[in-house]
């Protein structure tokens, strides 16, 4: 049997296992970063919906400081009425409060909550959590994803290099085992 076939028989399963484990690590880290990005919004949306349901005004739930969704990483709140109109907002994008996607609002009303990535304008990605309140109103809390997406990208490049280096190392190790050790184990004819 040719040397390259013997090496491939050993290395290909190793390469598949290394690739699967590398993908698992990357996805695990990426999802941890992405899911933790929602933590402040979850608290803001749930607390806001509870306050709104208890009789607080939309303005007091949204708060007054206006966050620029394009530039700021600060969390913000939007209160939406049963007719999908923005009742109050602590965020502005291009001079006005962005309106959350209707499907997100509908899902929050049906299921009680909805968590999505929302892109109100090209280049502005928002991690948002929407929570239903009484009277068909919805509290949407969000924040710009720019910093976390940059962190994920910074992790992705070394992860890719580590995967490639591990594939190369397993190929070299397989070659070594097959050539150096395998030659001693095969009977001479």
C-alpha atoms as a PDB file:
ATOM      1  CA  UNK A   1       0.000   0.000   0.000  1.00  0.00           C
ATOM      2  CA  UNK A   2       1.481   3.406  -0.964  1.00  0.00           C
ATOM      3  CA  UNK A   3       2.723   5.634   1.866  1.00  0.00           C
ATOM      4  CA  UNK A   4       0.282   8.441   1.108  1.00  0.00           C
ATOM      5  CA  UNK A   5      -2.675   6.036   1.373  1.00  0.00           C
ATOM      6  CA  UNK A   6      -1.455   4.742   4.742  1.00  0.00           C
ATOM      7  CA  UNK A   7      -1.029   8.314   5.991  1.00  0.00           C
ATOM      8  CA  UNK A   8      -4.454   9.382   4.660  1.00  0.00           C
ATOM      9  CA  UNK A   9      -6.158   6.420   6.370  1.00  0.00           C
ATOM     10  CA  UNK A  10      -4.861   7.644   9.719  1.00  0.00           C
ATOM     11  CA  UNK A  11      -4.862  11.413   9.184  1.00  0.00           C
ATOM     12  CA  UNK A  12      -8.281  12.025   7.578  1.00  0.00           C
ATOM     13  CA  UNK A  13     -10.247  10.824  10.641  1.00  0.00           C
ATOM     14  CA  UNK A  14      -7.918  12.920  12.826  1.00  0.00           C
ATOM     15  CA  UNK A  15      -8.506  15.952  10.595  1.00  0.00           C
ATOM     16  CA  UNK A  16     -12.269  15.479  10.843  1.00  0.00           C
ATOM     17  CA  UNK A  17     -12.084  15.227  14.644  1.00  0.00           C
ATOM     18  CA  UNK A  18      -9.785  18.271  14.915  1.00  0.00           C
ATOM     19  CA  UNK A  19     -12.101  20.252  12.627  1.00  0.00           C
ATOM     20  CA  UNK A  20     -15.218  19.293  14.578  1.00  0.00           C
ATOM     21  CA  UNK A  21     -13.617  20.184  17.926  1.00  0.00           C
ATOM     22  CA  UNK A  22     -12.254  23.469  16.555  1.00  0.00           C
ATOM     23  CA  UNK A  23     -15.687  24.382  15.231  1.00  0.00           C
ATOM     24  CA  UNK A  24     -17.273  23.458  18.556  1.00  0.00           C
ATOM     25  CA  UNK A  25     -14.846  25.708  20.459  1.00  0.00           C
ATOM     26  CA  UNK A  26     -15.344  28.615  18.033  1.00  0.00           C
ATOM     27  CA  UNK A  27     -19.154  28.370  18.097  1.00  0.00           C
ATOM     28  CA  UNK A  28     -19.148  28.021  21.879  1.00  0.00           C
ATOM     29  CA  UNK A  29     -17.049  31.143  22.383  1.00  0.00           C
ATOM     30  CA  UNK A  30     -18.959  33.106  19.711  1.00  0.00           C
ATOM     31  CA  UNK A  31     -22.315  32.222  21.237  1.00  0.00           C
ATOM     32  CA  UNK A  32     -21.095  33.065  24.737  1.00  0.00           C
ATOM     33  CA  UNK A  33     -20.038  36.522  23.542  1.00  0.00           C
ATOM     34  CA  UNK A  34     -23.270  37.016  21.584  1.00  0.00           C
ATOM     35  CA  UNK A  35     -25.649  35.784  24.277  1.00  0.00           C
ATOM     36  CA  UNK A  36     -23.972  37.762  27.057  1.00  0.00           C
ATOM     37  CA  UNK A  37     -24.459  40.862  24.912  1.00  0.00           C
ATOM     38  CA  UNK A  38     -28.207  40.573  25.691  1.00  0.00           C
ATOM     39  CA  UNK A  39     -27.864  40.622  29.490  1.00  0.00           C
ATOM     40  CA  UNK A  40     -28.396  44.367  30.097  1.00  0.00           C
ATOM     41  CA  UNK A  41     -31.240  44.494  27.575  1.00  0.00           C
ATOM     42  CA  UNK A  42     -33.018  41.570  29.194  1.00  0.00           C
ATOM     43  CA  UNK A  43     -32.979  43.340  32.561  1.00  0.00           C
ATOM     44  CA  UNK A  44     -34.045  46.691  31.061  1.00  0.00           C
ATOM     45  CA  UNK A  45     -36.869  45.190  28.976  1.00  0.00           C
ATOM     46  CA  UNK A  46     -38.267  42.982  31.747  1.00  0.00           C
ATOM     47  CA  UNK A  47     -38.104  45.747  34.365  1.00  0.00           C
ATOM     48  CA  UNK A  48     -39.541  48.265  31.902  1.00  0.00           C
ATOM     49  CA  UNK A  49     -42.462  46.003  30.960  1.00  0.00           C
ATOM     50  CA  UNK A  50     -43.225  45.397  34.649  1.00  0.00           C
ATOM     51  CA  UNK A  51     -43.154  49.129  35.389  1.00  0.00           C
ATOM     52  CA  UNK A  52     -45.285  49.915  32.333  1.00  0.00           C
ATOM     53  CA  UNK A  53     -47.811  47.237  33.303  1.00  0.00           C
ATOM     54  CA  UNK A  54     -47.906  48.693  36.820  1.00  0.00           C
ATOM     55  CA  UNK A  55     -48.910  52.108  35.461  1.00  0.00           C
ATOM     56  CA  UNK A  56     -45.622  53.915  34.762  1.00  0.00           C
ATOM     57  CA  UNK A  57     -45.603  56.260  31.783  1.00  0.00           C
ATOM     58  CA  UNK A  58     -43.784  55.225  28.591  1.00  0.00           C
ATOM     59  CA  UNK A  59     -41.498  58.252  28.994  1.00  0.00           C
ATOM     60  CA  UNK A  60     -40.401  57.215  32.490  1.00  0.00           C
ATOM     61  CA  UNK A  61     -39.750  53.663  31.297  1.00  0.00           C
ATOM     62  CA  UNK A  62     -37.683  54.795  28.292  1.00  0.00           C
ATOM     63  CA  UNK A  63     -35.721  57.394  30.245  1.00  0.00           C
ATOM     64  CA  UNK A  64     -34.498  60.709  28.981  1.00  0.00           C
ATOM     65  CA  UNK A  65     -30.881  60.470  27.805  1.00  0.00           C
ATOM     66  CA  UNK A  66     -30.868  59.920  24.076  1.00  0.00           C
ATOM     67  CA  UNK A  67     -28.401  57.319  22.864  1.00  0.00           C
ATOM     68  CA  UNK A  68     -27.041  57.618  19.310  1.00  0.00           C
ATOM     69  CA  UNK A  69     -27.467  54.034  18.085  1.00  0.00           C
ATOM     70  CA  UNK A  70     -24.797  54.517  15.430  1.00  0.00           C
ATOM     71  CA  UNK A  71     -22.038  55.757  17.752  1.00  0.00           C
ATOM     72  CA  UNK A  72     -22.821  54.713  21.326  1.00  0.00           C
ATOM     73  CA  UNK A  73     -22.518  51.298  22.930  1.00  0.00           C
ATOM     74  CA  UNK A  74     -24.919  52.288  25.725  1.00  0.00           C
ATOM     75  CA  UNK A  75     -28.147  50.319  26.140  1.00  0.00           C
ATOM     76  CA  UNK A  76     -31.411  52.060  25.288  1.00  0.00           C
ATOM     77  CA  UNK A  77     -35.154  51.506  25.624  1.00  0.00           C
ATOM     78  CA  UNK A  78     -38.018  51.972  23.165  1.00  0.00           C
ATOM     79  CA  UNK A  79     -41.642  51.700  24.280  1.00  0.00           C
ATOM     80  CA  UNK A  80     -44.032  50.735  21.489  1.00  0.00           C
ATOM     81  CA  UNK A  81     -47.819  50.964  21.629  1.00  0.00           C
ATOM     82  CA  UNK A  82     -50.390  48.385  20.562  1.00  0.00           C
ATOM     83  CA  UNK A  83     -50.555  50.122  17.160  1.00  0.00           C
ATOM     84  CA  UNK A  84     -46.753  49.633  16.707  1.00  0.00           C
ATOM     85  CA  UNK A  85     -46.124  53.381  17.065  1.00  0.00           C
ATOM     86  CA  UNK A  86     -43.130  54.449  19.165  1.00  0.00           C
ATOM     87  CA  UNK A  87     -44.519  55.977  22.368  1.00  0.00           C
ATOM     88  CA  UNK A  88     -41.182  56.873  23.964  1.00  0.00           C
ATOM     89  CA  UNK A  89     -37.526  56.232  23.227  1.00  0.00           C
ATOM     90  CA  UNK A  90     -34.085  56.856  24.661  1.00  0.00           C
ATOM     91  CA  UNK A  91     -32.408  56.187  21.301  1.00  0.00           C
ATOM     92  CA  UNK A  92     -32.072  58.071  18.050  1.00  0.00           C
ATOM     93  CA  UNK A  93     -30.729  57.021  14.688  1.00  0.00           C
ATOM     94  CA  UNK A  94     -30.344  59.651  11.993  1.00  0.00           C
ATOM     95  CA  UNK A  95     -32.288  62.095  14.157  1.00  0.00           C
ATOM     96  CA  UNK A  96     -35.335  60.018  15.075  1.00  0.00           C
ATOM     97  CA  UNK A  97     -36.293  56.968  17.088  1.00  0.00           C
ATOM     98  CA  UNK A  98     -35.925  53.789  15.027  1.00  0.00           C
ATOM     99  CA  UNK A  99     -39.022  51.621  14.871  1.00  0.00           C
ATOM    100  CA  UNK A 100     -38.427  47.988  15.817  1.00  0.00           C
ATOM    101  CA  UNK A 101     -39.435  45.371  13.223  1.00  0.00           C
ATOM    102  CA  UNK A 102     -43.156  44.557  13.338  1.00  0.00           C
ATOM    103  CA  UNK A 103     -42.476  40.803  13.387  1.00  0.00           C
ATOM    104  CA  UNK A 104     -40.380  41.210  16.534  1.00  0.00           C
ATOM    105  CA  UNK A 105     -43.173  43.139  18.230  1.00  0.00           C
ATOM    106  CA  UNK A 106     -45.784  40.573  17.166  1.00  0.00           C
ATOM    107  CA  UNK A 107     -43.644  37.686  18.442  1.00  0.00           C
ATOM    108  CA  UNK A 108     -43.102  39.438  21.779  1.00  0.00           C
ATOM    109  CA  UNK A 109     -46.856  39.969  22.125  1.00  0.00           C
ATOM    110  CA  UNK A 110     -47.575  36.291  21.417  1.00  0.00           C
ATOM    111  CA  UNK A 111     -44.686  34.633  23.265  1.00  0.00           C
ATOM    112  CA  UNK A 112     -44.056  37.302  25.900  1.00  0.00           C
ATOM    113  CA  UNK A 113     -40.509  37.997  24.732  1.00  0.00           C
ATOM    114  CA  UNK A 114     -38.320  38.015  21.633  1.00  0.00           C
ATOM    115  CA  UNK A 115     -34.561  38.294  21.306  1.00  0.00           C
ATOM    116  CA  UNK A 116     -33.117  39.242  17.932  1.00  0.00           C
ATOM    117  CA  UNK A 117     -30.312  40.976  16.126  1.00  0.00           C
ATOM    118  CA  UNK A 118     -31.817  43.944  14.370  1.00  0.00           C
ATOM    119  CA  UNK A 119     -30.265  46.130  11.657  1.00  0.00           C
ATOM    120  CA  UNK A 120     -32.228  49.401  11.486  1.00  0.00           C
ATOM    121  CA  UNK A 121     -29.725  50.777   8.978  1.00  0.00           C
ATOM    122  CA  UNK A 122     -26.825  49.254   7.065  1.00  0.00           C
ATOM    123  CA  UNK A 123     -23.815  49.100   9.366  1.00  0.00           C
ATOM    124  CA  UNK A 124     -25.817  49.502  12.597  1.00  0.00           C
ATOM    125  CA  UNK A 125     -26.526  46.146  14.222  1.00  0.00           C
ATOM    126  CA  UNK A 126     -28.530  46.084  17.431  1.00  0.00           C
ATOM    127  CA  UNK A 127     -28.813  43.230  19.939  1.00  0.00           C
ATOM    128  CA  UNK A 128     -32.367  43.612  21.222  1.00  0.00           C
ATOM    129  CA  UNK A 129     -34.717  42.036  23.722  1.00  0.00           C
ATOM    130  CA  UNK A 130     -38.451  42.782  23.461  1.00  0.00           C
ATOM    131  CA  UNK A 131     -40.867  42.079  26.308  1.00  0.00           C
ATOM    132  CA  UNK A 132     -44.659  42.398  26.160  1.00  0.00           C
ATOM    133  CA  UNK A 133     -46.474  44.637  28.625  1.00  0.00           C
ATOM    134  CA  UNK A 134     -50.191  45.123  29.245  1.00  0.00           C
ATOM    135  CA  UNK A 135     -52.421  46.642  26.589  1.00  0.00           C
ATOM    136  CA  UNK A 136     -50.420  45.287  23.643  1.00  0.00           C
ATOM    137  CA  UNK A 137     -47.459  47.510  24.444  1.00  0.00           C
ATOM    138  CA  UNK A 138     -43.901  46.234  24.079  1.00  0.00           C
ATOM    139  CA  UNK A 139     -40.689  47.373  25.734  1.00  0.00           C
ATOM    140  CA  UNK A 140     -37.659  46.956  23.468  1.00  0.00           C
ATOM    141  CA  UNK A 141     -34.180  47.282  24.953  1.00  0.00           C
ATOM    142  CA  UNK A 142     -31.128  47.208  22.724  1.00  0.00           C
ATOM    143  CA  UNK A 143     -27.551  48.228  22.204  1.00  0.00           C
ATOM    144  CA  UNK A 144     -25.050  48.437  19.379  1.00  0.00           C
ATOM    145  CA  UNK A 145     -23.153  45.191  18.744  1.00  0.00           C
ATOM    146  CA  UNK A 146     -19.997  46.787  17.314  1.00  0.00           C
ATOM    147  CA  UNK A 147     -17.629  46.036  20.227  1.00  0.00           C
ATOM    148  CA  UNK A 148     -18.734  42.424  20.686  1.00  0.00           C
ATOM    149  CA  UNK A 149     -18.597  41.739  16.952  1.00  0.00           C
ATOM    150  CA  UNK A 150     -15.025  43.111  16.913  1.00  0.00           C
ATOM    151  CA  UNK A 151     -14.159  40.830  19.858  1.00  0.00           C
ATOM    152  CA  UNK A 152     -15.604  37.829  18.006  1.00  0.00           C
ATOM    153  CA  UNK A 153     -13.551  38.726  14.920  1.00  0.00           C
ATOM    154  CA  UNK A 154     -10.409  39.053  17.063  1.00  0.00           C
ATOM    155  CA  UNK A 155     -11.025  35.570  18.447  1.00  0.00           C
ATOM    156  CA  UNK A 156     -11.828  34.105  15.018  1.00  0.00           C
ATOM    157  CA  UNK A 157      -8.469  34.828  13.389  1.00  0.00           C
ATOM    158  CA  UNK A 158      -6.317  33.055  16.013  1.00  0.00           C
ATOM    159  CA  UNK A 159      -8.860  30.227  16.173  1.00  0.00           C
ATOM    160  CA  UNK A 160      -8.506  29.723  12.410  1.00  0.00           C
ATOM    161  CA  UNK A 161      -4.704  29.722  12.670  1.00  0.00           C
ATOM    162  CA  UNK A 162      -4.826  27.254  15.579  1.00  0.00           C
ATOM    163  CA  UNK A 163      -7.089  24.939  13.566  1.00  0.00           C
ATOM    164  CA  UNK A 164      -4.740  25.040  10.554  1.00  0.00           C
ATOM    165  CA  UNK A 165      -1.663  24.542  12.753  1.00  0.00           C
ATOM    166  CA  UNK A 166      -3.303  21.567  14.472  1.00  0.00           C
ATOM    167  CA  UNK A 167      -4.174  20.009  11.109  1.00  0.00           C
ATOM    168  CA  UNK A 168      -0.575  20.462   9.974  1.00  0.00           C
ATOM    169  CA  UNK A 169       0.791  19.055  13.248  1.00  0.00           C
ATOM    170  CA  UNK A 170      -1.425  15.970  13.058  1.00  0.00           C
ATOM    171  CA  UNK A 171      -0.345  15.422   9.437  1.00  0.00           C
ATOM    172  CA  UNK A 172       3.332  15.639  10.400  1.00  0.00           C
ATOM    173  CA  UNK A 173       2.775  13.351  13.400  1.00  0.00           C
ATOM    174  CA  UNK A 174       0.913  10.855  11.218  1.00  0.00           C
ATOM    175  CA  UNK A 175       3.705  10.908   8.650  1.00  0.00           C
ATOM    176  CA  UNK A 176       6.287  10.423  11.414  1.00  0.00           C
ATOM    177  CA  UNK A 177       4.422   7.501  12.937  1.00  0.00           C
ATOM    178  CA  UNK A 178       3.899   5.835   9.577  1.00  0.00           C
ATOM    179  CA  UNK A 179       7.447   6.388   8.277  1.00  0.00           C
ATOM    180  CA  UNK A 180       9.627   6.141  11.384  1.00  0.00           C
ATOM    181  CA  UNK A 181       7.678   3.748  13.571  1.00  0.00           C
ATOM    182  CA  UNK A 182       5.642   1.922  10.930  1.00  0.00           C
ATOM    183  CA  UNK A 183       8.758   0.905   8.989  1.00  0.00           C
ATOM    184  CA  UNK A 184      10.112  -0.927  12.041  1.00  0.00           C
ATOM    185  CA  UNK A 185       6.826  -2.707  12.621  1.00  0.00           C
ATOM    186  CA  UNK A 186       6.461  -4.030   9.068  1.00  0.00           C
ATOM    187  CA  UNK A 187       8.217  -7.307   8.281  1.00  0.00           C
ATOM    188  CA  UNK A 188      10.997  -7.138   5.743  1.00  0.00           C
ATOM    189  CA  UNK A 189      10.346  -9.380   2.736  1.00  0.00           C
END
